[in-house]
C-alpha atoms as a PDB file:
ATOM      1  CA  MET A   1     -31.059   2.635 -10.770  1.00  0.00           C
ATOM      2  CA  ALA A   2     -27.642   2.309  -9.454  1.00  0.00           C
ATOM      3  CA  ALA A   3     -25.111   4.982 -10.918  1.00  0.00           C
ATOM      4  CA  MET A   4     -22.029   3.673 -12.883  1.00  0.00           C
ATOM      5  CA  ILE A   5     -19.364   6.293 -12.594  1.00  0.00           C
ATOM      6  CA  GLU A   6     -16.582   6.176 -15.272  1.00  0.00           C
ATOM      7  CA  PRO A   7     -12.851   6.421 -14.438  1.00  0.00           C
ATOM      8  CA  ALA A   8     -12.383   9.913 -15.550  1.00  0.00           C
ATOM      9  CA  ARG A   9     -14.950  11.094 -13.173  1.00  0.00           C
ATOM     10  CA  ILE A  10     -13.614   9.202 -10.435  1.00  0.00           C
ATOM     11  CA  ARG A  11     -10.100  10.619 -10.656  1.00  0.00           C
ATOM     12  CA  GLU A  12     -11.606  13.876 -10.786  1.00  0.00           C
ATOM     13  CA  ALA A  13     -13.444  13.327  -7.351  1.00  0.00           C
ATOM     14  CA  ALA A  14     -10.593  11.732  -5.644  1.00  0.00           C
ATOM     15  CA  ARG A  15      -8.455  14.979  -6.190  1.00  0.00           C
ATOM     16  CA  THR A  16     -11.125  16.571  -3.959  1.00  0.00           C
ATOM     17  CA  VAL A  17     -10.660  13.971  -0.960  1.00  0.00           C
ATOM     18  CA  ASP A  18      -7.820  13.906   1.772  1.00  0.00           C
ATOM     19  CA  ALA A  19      -6.916  10.168   1.058  1.00  0.00           C
ATOM     20  CA  LEU A  20      -4.330  10.199   3.987  1.00  0.00           C
ATOM     21  CA  SER A  21      -6.782  11.325   6.568  1.00  0.00           C
ATOM     22  CA  LEU A  22      -9.366   8.930   5.395  1.00  0.00           C
ATOM     23  CA  ILE A  23      -6.850   5.879   5.354  1.00  0.00           C
ATOM     24  CA  GLU A  24      -5.466   6.884   8.915  1.00  0.00           C
ATOM     25  CA  GLN A  25      -8.870   7.059  10.383  1.00  0.00           C
ATOM     26  CA  GLY A  26      -9.912   3.866   8.666  1.00  0.00           C
ATOM     27  CA  PHE A  27      -6.649   1.867  10.127  1.00  0.00           C
ATOM     28  CA  VAL A  28      -7.564   3.415  13.617  1.00  0.00           C
ATOM     29  CA  ALA A  29     -11.262   1.944  13.369  1.00  0.00           C
ATOM     30  CA  TYR A  30     -10.204  -1.349  12.260  1.00  0.00           C
ATOM     31  CA  SER A  31      -7.617  -1.691  15.056  1.00  0.00           C
ATOM     32  CA  GLN A  32     -10.254  -0.574  17.487  1.00  0.00           C
ATOM     33  CA  GLY A  33     -12.539  -3.440  16.358  1.00  0.00           C
ATOM     34  CA  ARG A  34     -14.933  -1.075  14.764  1.00  0.00           C
ATOM     35  CA  VAL A  35     -14.838  -2.552  11.261  1.00  0.00           C
ATOM     36  CA  VAL A  36     -16.274  -5.807   9.849  1.00  0.00           C
ATOM     37  CA  VAL A  37     -13.633  -7.335   7.422  1.00  0.00           C
ATOM     38  CA  PRO A  38     -14.160 -11.179   6.274  1.00  0.00           C
ATOM     39  CA  PRO A  39     -11.157 -12.813   4.939  1.00  0.00           C
ATOM     40  CA  VAL A  40      -9.703 -11.902   1.499  1.00  0.00           C
ATOM     41  CA  ALA A  41     -11.187 -13.933  -1.320  1.00  0.00           C
ATOM     42  CA  GLU A  42      -8.781 -14.499  -4.300  1.00  0.00           C
ATOM     43  CA  MET A  43      -8.235 -16.649  -7.393  1.00  0.00           C
ATOM     44  CA  ILE A  44      -4.672 -17.225  -8.611  1.00  0.00           C
ATOM     45  CA  PHE A  45      -4.078 -17.985 -12.235  1.00  0.00           C
ATOM     46  CA  ASP A  46      -1.209 -19.834 -13.943  1.00  0.00           C
ATOM     47  CA  ASP A  47      -1.706 -19.310 -17.577  1.00  0.00           C
ATOM     48  CA  PRO A  48      -1.787 -16.292 -18.085  1.00  0.00           C
ATOM     49  CA  PRO A  49      -0.283 -15.645 -14.668  1.00  0.00           C
ATOM     50  CA  GLY A  50      -2.379 -13.447 -12.694  1.00  0.00           C
ATOM     51  CA  GLU A  51      -4.540 -12.865  -9.597  1.00  0.00           C
ATOM     52  CA  VAL A  52      -7.951 -11.460  -8.580  1.00  0.00           C
ATOM     53  CA  HIS A  53      -8.634 -10.105  -4.983  1.00  0.00           C
ATOM     54  CA  ILE A  54     -11.936  -9.575  -3.574  1.00  0.00           C
ATOM     55  CA  LYS A  55     -12.070  -7.447  -0.431  1.00  0.00           C
ATOM     56  CA  TYR A  56     -15.204  -6.438   1.294  1.00  0.00           C
ATOM     57  CA  GLY A  57     -16.650  -5.032   4.431  1.00  0.00           C
ATOM     58  CA  TYR A  58     -18.239  -2.242   6.381  1.00  0.00           C
ATOM     59  CA  ILE A  59     -17.634   0.149   9.423  1.00  0.00           C
ATOM     60  CA  LYS A  60     -20.095  -0.243  12.218  1.00  0.00           C
ATOM     61  CA  GLY A  61     -22.548   2.532  12.060  1.00  0.00           C
ATOM     62  CA  ASP A  62     -22.212   3.227   8.386  1.00  0.00           C
ATOM     63  CA  ASP A  63     -25.119   3.177   6.107  1.00  0.00           C
ATOM     64  CA  VAL A  64     -23.218   1.531   3.238  1.00  0.00           C
ATOM     65  CA  TYR A  65     -21.017  -1.507   2.646  1.00  0.00           C
ATOM     66  CA  VAL A  66     -18.268  -2.044  -0.075  1.00  0.00           C
ATOM     67  CA  VAL A  67     -17.170  -4.749  -2.193  1.00  0.00           C
ATOM     68  CA  LYS A  68     -13.908  -4.370  -4.185  1.00  0.00           C
ATOM     69  CA  ILE A  69     -12.639  -6.509  -7.054  1.00  0.00           C
ATOM     70  CA  ALA A  70      -9.134  -6.053  -8.073  1.00  0.00           C
ATOM     71  CA  SER A  71      -6.941  -7.892 -10.641  1.00  0.00           C
ATOM     72  CA  GLY A  72      -3.468  -7.930 -11.687  1.00  0.00           C
ATOM     73  CA  PHE A  73      -2.211  -9.984 -14.932  1.00  0.00           C
ATOM     74  CA  ALA A  74       1.548  -9.534 -15.436  1.00  0.00           C
ATOM     75  CA  ALA A  75       1.445 -10.300 -19.134  1.00  0.00           C
ATOM     76  CA  ASN A  76      -1.141  -7.592 -20.041  1.00  0.00           C
ATOM     77  CA  PRO A  77       1.495  -5.167 -21.274  1.00  0.00           C
ATOM     78  CA  LYS A  78       2.242  -7.491 -24.084  1.00  0.00           C
ATOM     79  CA  LEU A  79      -1.401  -6.887 -25.203  1.00  0.00           C
ATOM     80  CA  GLY A  80      -1.131  -3.257 -24.755  1.00  0.00           C
ATOM     81  CA  LEU A  81      -3.422  -3.349 -21.502  1.00  0.00           C
ATOM     82  CA  PRO A  82      -2.366  -2.272 -18.049  1.00  0.00           C
ATOM     83  CA  THR A  83      -1.545  -4.822 -15.520  1.00  0.00           C
ATOM     84  CA  GLY A  84      -4.143  -3.805 -12.982  1.00  0.00           C
ATOM     85  CA  ASN A  85      -7.905  -3.441 -13.134  1.00  0.00           C
ATOM     86  CA  GLY A  86     -10.843  -3.496 -11.024  1.00  0.00           C
ATOM     87  CA  LEU A  87     -14.068  -1.687  -9.754  1.00  0.00           C
ATOM     88  CA  MET A  88     -15.603  -1.067  -6.319  1.00  0.00           C
ATOM     89  CA  LEU A  89     -19.298  -1.631  -5.322  1.00  0.00           C
ATOM     90  CA  VAL A  90     -21.320   0.564  -2.813  1.00  0.00           C
ATOM     91  CA  PHE A  91     -24.363  -0.724  -1.405  1.00  0.00           C
ATOM     92  CA  ASP A  92     -26.958   0.785   0.941  1.00  0.00           C
ATOM     93  CA  ARG A  93     -27.928  -1.116   4.276  1.00  0.00           C
ATOM     94  CA  THR A  94     -30.823  -2.527   2.489  1.00  0.00           C
ATOM     95  CA  GLY A  95     -28.685  -4.464  -0.043  1.00  0.00           C
ATOM     96  CA  ALA A  96     -29.456  -2.161  -2.864  1.00  0.00           C
ATOM     97  CA  LEU A  97     -26.398  -1.116  -4.945  1.00  0.00           C
ATOM     98  CA  GLU A  98     -25.813   2.588  -4.927  1.00  0.00           C
ATOM     99  CA  CYS A  99     -23.020   2.697  -7.289  1.00  0.00           C
ATOM    100  CA  LEU A 100     -20.702   1.134  -9.291  1.00  0.00           C
ATOM    101  CA  LEU A 101     -17.176   2.928  -9.379  1.00  0.00           C
ATOM    102  CA  LEU A 102     -15.485   1.466 -12.463  1.00  0.00           C
ATOM    103  CA  ASP A 103     -12.052   2.858 -11.433  1.00  0.00           C
ATOM    104  CA  GLU A 104      -9.983   0.412 -13.299  1.00  0.00           C
ATOM    105  CA  GLY A 105      -7.903  -0.324 -10.295  1.00  0.00           C
ATOM    106  CA  TYR A 106      -7.013   3.597  -9.672  1.00  0.00           C
ATOM    107  CA  LEU A 107      -8.715   3.830  -6.280  1.00  0.00           C
ATOM    108  CA  THR A 108      -6.753   0.477  -5.039  1.00  0.00           C
ATOM    109  CA  ASN A 109      -3.535   2.321  -6.194  1.00  0.00           C
ATOM    110  CA  LEU A 110      -4.597   5.443  -4.464  1.00  0.00           C
ATOM    111  CA  ARG A 111      -5.533   3.891  -1.030  1.00  0.00           C
ATOM    112  CA  THR A 112      -2.208   1.787  -1.383  1.00  0.00           C
ATOM    113  CA  ALA A 113       0.017   4.945  -1.839  1.00  0.00           C
ATOM    114  CA  ALA A 114      -1.958   6.594   0.865  1.00  0.00           C
ATOM    115  CA  ALA A 115      -1.329   3.747   3.122  1.00  0.00           C
ATOM    116  CA  GLY A 116       2.335   3.990   2.539  1.00  0.00           C
ATOM    117  CA  ALA A 117       2.405   7.661   3.228  1.00  0.00           C
ATOM    118  CA  VAL A 118       0.561   6.969   6.591  1.00  0.00           C
ATOM    119  CA  ALA A 119       3.012   4.360   7.626  1.00  0.00           C
ATOM    120  CA  ALA A 120       5.968   6.763   6.729  1.00  0.00           C
ATOM    121  CA  LYS A 121       4.178   9.616   8.734  1.00  0.00           C
ATOM    122  CA  HIS A 122       4.124   7.580  11.837  1.00  0.00           C
ATOM    123  CA  LEU A 123       7.235   5.301  11.590  1.00  0.00           C
ATOM    124  CA  ALA A 124       9.987   7.100   9.440  1.00  0.00           C
ATOM    125  CA  PRO A 125      12.777   8.909  10.759  1.00  0.00           C
ATOM    126  CA  ARG A 126      11.918  12.666  11.137  1.00  0.00           C
ATOM    127  CA  ARG A 127      14.962  13.537   8.945  1.00  0.00           C
ATOM    128  CA  VAL A 128      14.966  11.806   5.676  1.00  0.00           C
ATOM    129  CA  THR A 129      18.203  11.708   3.722  1.00  0.00           C
ATOM    130  CA  ARG A 130      17.085   9.990   0.563  1.00  0.00           C
ATOM    131  CA  VAL A 131      13.947   8.013  -0.244  1.00  0.00           C
ATOM    132  CA  GLY A 132      14.307   4.620  -1.792  1.00  0.00           C
ATOM    133  CA  ILE A 133      11.754   2.827  -4.126  1.00  0.00           C
ATOM    134  CA  LEU A 134      11.935  -0.743  -5.212  1.00  0.00           C
ATOM    135  CA  GLY A 135       9.438  -0.873  -8.129  1.00  0.00           C
ATOM    136  CA  ALA A 136       9.289   1.702 -11.116  1.00  0.00           C
ATOM    137  CA  GLY A 137       5.507   1.029 -11.981  1.00  0.00           C
ATOM    138  CA  VAL A 138       2.440   3.020 -11.217  1.00  0.00           C
ATOM    139  CA  GLN A 139       2.598   2.314  -7.609  1.00  0.00           C
ATOM    140  CA  GLY A 140       6.183   3.212  -7.352  1.00  0.00           C
ATOM    141  CA  ARG A 141       5.509   6.674  -8.805  1.00  0.00           C
ATOM    142  CA  MET A 142       2.402   7.103  -6.466  1.00  0.00           C
ATOM    143  CA  GLN A 143       4.169   6.158  -3.417  1.00  0.00           C
ATOM    144  CA  LEU A 144       6.985   8.884  -4.075  1.00  0.00           C
ATOM    145  CA  GLU A 145       4.186  11.378  -4.650  1.00  0.00           C
ATOM    146  CA  HIS A 146       2.288  10.675  -1.424  1.00  0.00           C
ATOM    147  CA  LEU A 147       5.560  10.389   0.524  1.00  0.00           C
ATOM    148  CA  ARG A 148       6.429  14.026  -0.228  1.00  0.00           C
ATOM    149  CA  LYS A 149       3.122  14.920   1.801  1.00  0.00           C
ATOM    150  CA  VAL A 150       4.552  13.574   5.090  1.00  0.00           C
ATOM    151  CA  ARG A 151       8.306  14.078   4.801  1.00  0.00           C
ATOM    152  CA  GLU A 152      10.795  16.520   3.363  1.00  0.00           C
ATOM    153  CA  PHE A 153      13.414  15.328   1.012  1.00  0.00           C
ATOM    154  CA  GLY A 154      15.315  16.257  -2.204  1.00  0.00           C
ATOM    155  CA  GLU A 155      16.359  12.895  -3.713  1.00  0.00           C
ATOM    156  CA  ALA A 156      15.152   9.350  -4.350  1.00  0.00           C
ATOM    157  CA  VAL A 157      16.739   6.280  -5.663  1.00  0.00           C
ATOM    158  CA  VAL A 158      14.734   3.976  -7.588  1.00  0.00           C
ATOM    159  CA  TRP A 159      15.286   0.169  -8.429  1.00  0.00           C
ATOM    160  CA  GLY A 160      13.727  -1.483 -11.283  1.00  0.00           C
ATOM    161  CA  LEU A 161      14.008  -4.307 -13.837  1.00  0.00           C
ATOM    162  CA  GLY A 162      15.275  -2.522 -16.529  1.00  0.00           C
ATOM    163  CA  GLU A 163      16.807   0.798 -17.906  1.00  0.00           C
ATOM    164  CA  ALA A 164      13.956   1.673 -20.148  1.00  0.00           C
ATOM    165  CA  GLU A 165      11.335   1.652 -17.351  1.00  0.00           C
ATOM    166  CA  LEU A 166      13.797   3.495 -15.035  1.00  0.00           C
ATOM    167  CA  ALA A 167      14.357   6.080 -17.591  1.00  0.00           C
ATOM    168  CA  ALA A 168      10.731   6.680 -18.011  1.00  0.00           C
ATOM    169  CA  TYR A 169      10.420   6.692 -14.214  1.00  0.00           C
ATOM    170  CA  ARG A 170      12.950   9.316 -13.874  1.00  0.00           C
ATOM    171  CA  ARG A 171      11.551  11.466 -16.868  1.00  0.00           C
ATOM    172  CA  ASP A 172       8.114  11.358 -15.278  1.00  0.00           C
ATOM    173  CA  MET A 173       9.100  12.045 -11.540  1.00  0.00           C
ATOM    174  CA  GLU A 174      12.031  14.241 -11.559  1.00  0.00           C
ATOM    175  CA  GLY A 175      11.224  17.895 -11.158  1.00  0.00           C
ATOM    176  CA  PRO A 176      11.837  21.024  -9.122  1.00  0.00           C
ATOM    177  CA  GLY A 177      13.179  20.058  -5.750  1.00  0.00           C
ATOM    178  CA  LEU A 178      13.344  16.391  -6.552  1.00  0.00           C
ATOM    179  CA  ARG A 179      16.363  14.488  -7.995  1.00  0.00           C
ATOM    180  CA  VAL A 180      15.814  10.935  -9.151  1.00  0.00           C
ATOM    181  CA  ARG A 181      18.718   8.620  -9.281  1.00  0.00           C
ATOM    182  CA  THR A 182      18.195   4.883 -10.648  1.00  0.00           C
ATOM    183  CA  THR A 183      19.804   1.780 -10.270  1.00  0.00           C
ATOM    184  CA  LEU A 184      19.571  -1.947 -11.090  1.00  0.00           C
ATOM    185  CA  ASP A 185      21.198  -2.966  -7.954  1.00  0.00           C
ATOM    186  CA  ALA A 186      18.798  -3.078  -4.825  1.00  0.00           C
ATOM    187  CA  GLU A 187      21.594  -3.020  -2.461  1.00  0.00           C
ATOM    188  CA  GLU A 188      22.492   0.374  -3.688  1.00  0.00           C
ATOM    189  CA  VAL A 189      18.967   1.595  -2.467  1.00  0.00           C
ATOM    190  CA  ALA A 190      19.702   0.258   1.005  1.00  0.00           C
ATOM    191  CA  ALA A 191      23.005   1.824   1.151  1.00  0.00           C
ATOM    192  CA  SER A 192      21.699   5.478   0.563  1.00  0.00           C
ATOM    193  CA  ALA A 193      18.067   5.586   1.552  1.00  0.00           C
ATOM    194  CA  ASN A 194      16.756   5.654   5.037  1.00  0.00           C
ATOM    195  CA  LEU A 195      13.142   5.530   4.023  1.00  0.00           C
ATOM    196  CA  ILE A 196      12.525   2.713   1.591  1.00  0.00           C
ATOM    197  CA  VAL A 197       9.109   1.555  -0.038  1.00  0.00           C
ATOM    198  CA  THR A 198       8.946  -1.935  -1.780  1.00  0.00           C
ATOM    199  CA  CYS A 199       6.092  -2.186  -4.223  1.00  0.00           C
ATOM    200  CA  THR A 200       6.825  -5.033  -6.628  1.00  0.00           C
ATOM    201  CA  PRO A 201       5.053  -8.311  -7.235  1.00  0.00           C
ATOM    202  CA  SER A 202       8.381 -10.294  -6.378  1.00  0.00           C
ATOM    203  CA  THR A 203       8.412 -13.865  -5.147  1.00  0.00           C
ATOM    204  CA  ARG A 204      11.980 -13.789  -3.768  1.00  0.00           C
ATOM    205  CA  PRO A 205      13.424 -11.246  -1.431  1.00  0.00           C
ATOM    206  CA  LEU A 206      14.978  -8.241  -2.948  1.00  0.00           C
ATOM    207  CA  LEU A 207      16.480  -6.508   0.245  1.00  0.00           C
ATOM    208  CA  GLU A 208      18.645  -8.517   2.537  1.00  0.00           C
ATOM    209  CA  ALA A 209      19.051  -8.010   6.344  1.00  0.00           C
ATOM    210  CA  ALA A 210      22.852  -7.264   6.025  1.00  0.00           C
ATOM    211  CA  TRP A 211      22.299  -4.134   3.800  1.00  0.00           C
ATOM    212  CA  ILE A 212      19.734  -2.520   6.219  1.00  0.00           C
ATOM    213  CA  ARG A 213      21.473   0.525   8.003  1.00  0.00           C
ATOM    214  CA  PRO A 214      20.389   1.676  11.605  1.00  0.00           C
ATOM    215  CA  GLY A 215      17.624   4.341  11.416  1.00  0.00           C
ATOM    216  CA  THR A 216      16.013   2.863   8.305  1.00  0.00           C
ATOM    217  CA  HIS A 217      12.169   2.627   7.866  1.00  0.00           C
ATOM    218  CA  ILE A 218      10.887   0.148   5.448  1.00  0.00           C
ATOM    219  CA  THR A 219       7.381  -0.009   4.100  1.00  0.00           C
ATOM    220  CA  ALA A 220       6.563  -3.180   2.058  1.00  0.00           C
ATOM    221  CA  VAL A 221       3.281  -3.046  -0.025  1.00  0.00           C
ATOM    222  CA  GLY A 222       3.809  -5.588  -2.820  1.00  0.00           C
ATOM    223  CA  SER A 223       3.384  -8.964  -0.778  1.00  0.00           C
ATOM    224  CA  ASP A 224      -0.400  -9.430  -0.838  1.00  0.00           C
ATOM    225  CA  THR A 225      -0.425 -13.246  -1.568  1.00  0.00           C
ATOM    226  CA  PRO A 226       1.289 -16.039   0.241  1.00  0.00           C
ATOM    227  CA  GLU A 227       3.730 -16.454  -2.633  1.00  0.00           C
ATOM    228  CA  LYS A 228       5.035 -12.875  -2.895  1.00  0.00           C
ATOM    229  CA  GLN A 229       7.877 -11.782  -0.729  1.00  0.00           C
ATOM    230  CA  GLU A 230      10.041  -8.670  -1.009  1.00  0.00           C
ATOM    231  CA  LEU A 231      12.269  -8.554   2.253  1.00  0.00           C
ATOM    232  CA  GLU A 232      14.508 -11.236   3.623  1.00  0.00           C
ATOM    233  CA  THR A 233      12.686 -12.554   6.763  1.00  0.00           C
ATOM    234  CA  ALA A 234      15.835 -11.493   8.874  1.00  0.00           C
ATOM    235  CA  VAL A 235      15.019  -7.960   7.839  1.00  0.00           C
ATOM    236  CA  LEU A 236      11.986  -8.227  10.233  1.00  0.00           C
ATOM    237  CA  GLY A 237      14.083  -9.905  12.691  1.00  0.00           C
ATOM    238  CA  LYS A 238      16.547  -7.245  12.735  1.00  0.00           C
ATOM    239  CA  ALA A 239      13.946  -4.440  13.268  1.00  0.00           C
ATOM    240  CA  ALA A 240      13.084  -2.698  16.574  1.00  0.00           C
ATOM    241  CA  ARG A 241       9.402  -2.442  15.435  1.00  0.00           C
ATOM    242  CA  VAL A 242       7.299  -4.480  13.041  1.00  0.00           C
ATOM    243  CA  VAL A 243       3.950  -3.003  12.181  1.00  0.00           C
ATOM    244  CA  VAL A 244       1.288  -4.660  10.214  1.00  0.00           C
ATOM    245  CA  ASP A 245      -1.971  -3.407   8.764  1.00  0.00           C
ATOM    246  CA  SER A 246      -3.992  -6.468  10.152  1.00  0.00           C
ATOM    247  CA  LEU A 247      -2.785  -9.066  12.445  1.00  0.00           C
ATOM    248  CA  SER A 248      -5.160 -11.604  11.001  1.00  0.00           C
ATOM    249  CA  GLN A 249      -4.114 -11.170   7.542  1.00  0.00           C
ATOM    250  CA  CYS A 250      -0.279 -11.208   8.303  1.00  0.00           C
ATOM    251  CA  ARG A 251      -0.779 -14.780   9.517  1.00  0.00           C
ATOM    252  CA  LEU A 252      -1.834 -15.614   5.820  1.00  0.00           C
ATOM    253  CA  ARG A 253      -0.006 -13.463   3.546  1.00  0.00           C
ATOM    254  CA  GLY A 254       2.784 -10.685   3.499  1.00  0.00           C
ATOM    255  CA  GLU A 255       6.344 -10.210   4.706  1.00  0.00           C
ATOM    256  CA  ALA A 256       5.270 -11.060   8.555  1.00  0.00           C
ATOM    257  CA  PHE A 257       3.746 -14.170   7.139  1.00  0.00           C
ATOM    258  CA  HIS A 258       7.222 -15.491   5.871  1.00  0.00           C
ATOM    259  CA  ALA A 259       9.106 -14.220   9.058  1.00  0.00           C
ATOM    260  CA  LEU A 260       6.620 -16.003  11.224  1.00  0.00           C
ATOM    261  CA  ARG A 261       7.113 -19.219   9.425  1.00  0.00           C
ATOM    262  CA  ALA A 262      10.880 -18.658   9.600  1.00  0.00           C
ATOM    263  CA  GLY A 263      10.851 -17.924  13.347  1.00  0.00           C
ATOM    264  CA  ASP A 264      12.457 -14.404  12.827  1.00  0.00           C
ATOM    265  CA  VAL A 265       9.448 -12.828  14.571  1.00  0.00           C
ATOM    266  CA  ALA A 266       6.754 -13.769  17.022  1.00  0.00           C
ATOM    267  CA  LEU A 267       3.092 -12.746  16.643  1.00  0.00           C
ATOM    268  CA  ASP A 268       3.485 -10.841  19.991  1.00  0.00           C
ATOM    269  CA  ASP A 269       6.099  -8.958  18.311  1.00  0.00           C
ATOM    270  CA  LEU A 270       3.747  -7.315  15.875  1.00  0.00           C
ATOM    271  CA  VAL A 271       1.507  -4.320  16.483  1.00  0.00           C
ATOM    272  CA  GLU A 272      -1.002  -2.900  14.000  1.00  0.00           C
ATOM    273  CA  LEU A 273      -0.715   0.437  12.201  1.00  0.00           C
ATOM    274  CA  GLY A 274      -4.073   1.654  13.599  1.00  0.00           C
ATOM    275  CA  ALA A 275      -2.868   1.027  17.290  1.00  0.00           C
ATOM    276  CA  VAL A 276       0.554   3.047  16.457  1.00  0.00           C
ATOM    277  CA  ILE A 277      -1.530   5.944  15.181  1.00  0.00           C
ATOM    278  CA  ALA A 278      -3.656   5.888  18.071  1.00  0.00           C
ATOM    279  CA  GLU A 279      -0.860   5.683  20.401  1.00  0.00           C
ATOM    280  CA  PRO A 280       2.302   6.965  18.970  1.00  0.00           C
ATOM    281  CA  GLY A 281       4.607   5.478  21.522  1.00  0.00           C
ATOM    282  CA  LEU A 282       4.005   1.958  19.972  1.00  0.00           C
ATOM    283  CA  GLY A 283       6.019   3.152  17.029  1.00  0.00           C
ATOM    284  CA  ARG A 284       9.562   4.393  16.494  1.00  0.00           C
ATOM    285  CA  ARG A 285      11.375   4.953  19.658  1.00  0.00           C
ATOM    286  CA  SER A 286      14.591   6.012  18.419  1.00  0.00           C
ATOM    287  CA  GLU A 287      15.998   7.737  15.386  1.00  0.00           C
ATOM    288  CA  ASP A 288      18.554   4.678  15.183  1.00  0.00           C
ATOM    289  CA  ASP A 289      15.756   2.242  15.015  1.00  0.00           C
ATOM    290  CA  ILE A 290      14.948   0.023  11.995  1.00  0.00           C
ATOM    291  CA  THR A 291      11.276  -0.215  11.517  1.00  0.00           C
ATOM    292  CA  VAL A 292       9.262  -2.204   9.026  1.00  0.00           C
ATOM    293  CA  ALA A 293       5.585  -1.790   8.132  1.00  0.00           C
ATOM    294  CA  ASP A 294       4.074  -4.792   6.213  1.00  0.00           C
ATOM    295  CA  LEU A 295       0.859  -3.623   4.441  1.00  0.00           C
ATOM    296  CA  THR A 296      -1.063  -6.431   2.754  1.00  0.00           C
ATOM    297  CA  GLY A 297      -4.178  -4.282   1.948  1.00  0.00           C
ATOM    298  CA  VAL A 298      -7.106  -4.117   4.253  1.00  0.00           C
ATOM    299  CA  ALA A 299     -10.575  -3.672   2.969  1.00  0.00           C
ATOM    300  CA  VAL A 300     -11.084  -0.753   5.386  1.00  0.00           C
ATOM    301  CA  GLN A 301      -9.087   1.064   3.087  1.00  0.00           C
ATOM    302  CA  ASP A 302     -11.273   0.455  -0.033  1.00  0.00           C
ATOM    303  CA  ILE A 303     -14.268   1.204   2.226  1.00  0.00           C
ATOM    304  CA  GLN A 304     -12.997   4.544   3.074  1.00  0.00           C
ATOM    305  CA  ILE A 305     -11.782   5.800  -0.233  1.00  0.00           C
ATOM    306  CA  SER A 306     -14.860   4.659  -2.106  1.00  0.00           C
ATOM    307  CA  LYS A 307     -17.209   6.192   0.465  1.00  0.00           C
ATOM    308  CA  ALA A 308     -15.570   9.517   0.132  1.00  0.00           C
ATOM    309  CA  VAL A 309     -15.536   9.540  -3.809  1.00  0.00           C
ATOM    310  CA  TRP A 310     -19.026   8.366  -3.852  1.00  0.00           C
ATOM    311  CA  ALA A 311     -20.013  11.189  -1.743  1.00  0.00           C
ATOM    312  CA  ALA A 312     -18.248  13.677  -3.866  1.00  0.00           C
ATOM    313  CA  LEU A 313     -19.987  12.511  -6.902  1.00  0.00           C
ATOM    314  CA  LYS A 314     -23.581  11.525  -5.299  1.00  0.00           C
ATOM    315  CA  PRO A 315     -26.394  13.722  -6.506  1.00  0.00           C
ATOM    316  CA  PRO A 316     -28.035  15.813  -3.841  1.00  0.00           C
ATOM    317  CA  ALA A 317     -31.114  14.228  -2.422  1.00  0.00           C
ATOM    318  CA  PRO A 318     -34.481  15.746  -4.076  1.00  0.00           C
END
């Protein structure tokens, strides 16, 4: 019988894996054509507003394949529930279910934060004056935590929707060696940070091209449906390099999707993150470059993180 793993055990096992390396290796495999990833399946709900994403696939040569279901319902906090939920299913190559990772969306958040750190590792300026975070929720916290693994910085400026959530963010995240400043003005983030991560469900641009200073890197992770958008399309047009996690997905969703439709970038201007990792010369070429990473979330991330967590939890063979 397949094992069902509860959230607490999943979180404990996740602390034992090197998520950044796993995600880095996954992106390279994806860009080298060694991963089978069908198009994203999704359901969009109007009342209550929400979405469900189904991502799935396998790495060639692996003995497992993975199906991930993740949901987000914005009104859940009014019911005392988290906005996100989900699970990951790991099957062996006979089609038998090996385990159900009932992670409640944690592994999706972890692999997204790890991807943000990987993008910063390969694209952000070497000297980070200040980190900017747009979005004061769970992902905004995890992005900041993981960025500290790839860059040194002592201050972050964080944008959110209200003073209460920003006060909670600052209380949770500020500590020795890290000062957190909060703001309700997104332009203030662009004016003071040269490494910015946007992680909101916004359907309108939050950052304008005129605000972005030379030498800034932006990683956008919130726009995972065609309706969502965090960056003015001219931001991508202004960038010296635009990196996407998936060229096929960026035609259908994400910041590049909007910029392609607006004519601010062409498909030939884009390069996949896995290619940049494998060939660093494809990334940042100057400390004065503006660079953008558009991360829509690729199933290879779910494959990598669920495989590693299951390996850490799997009972030894008799």
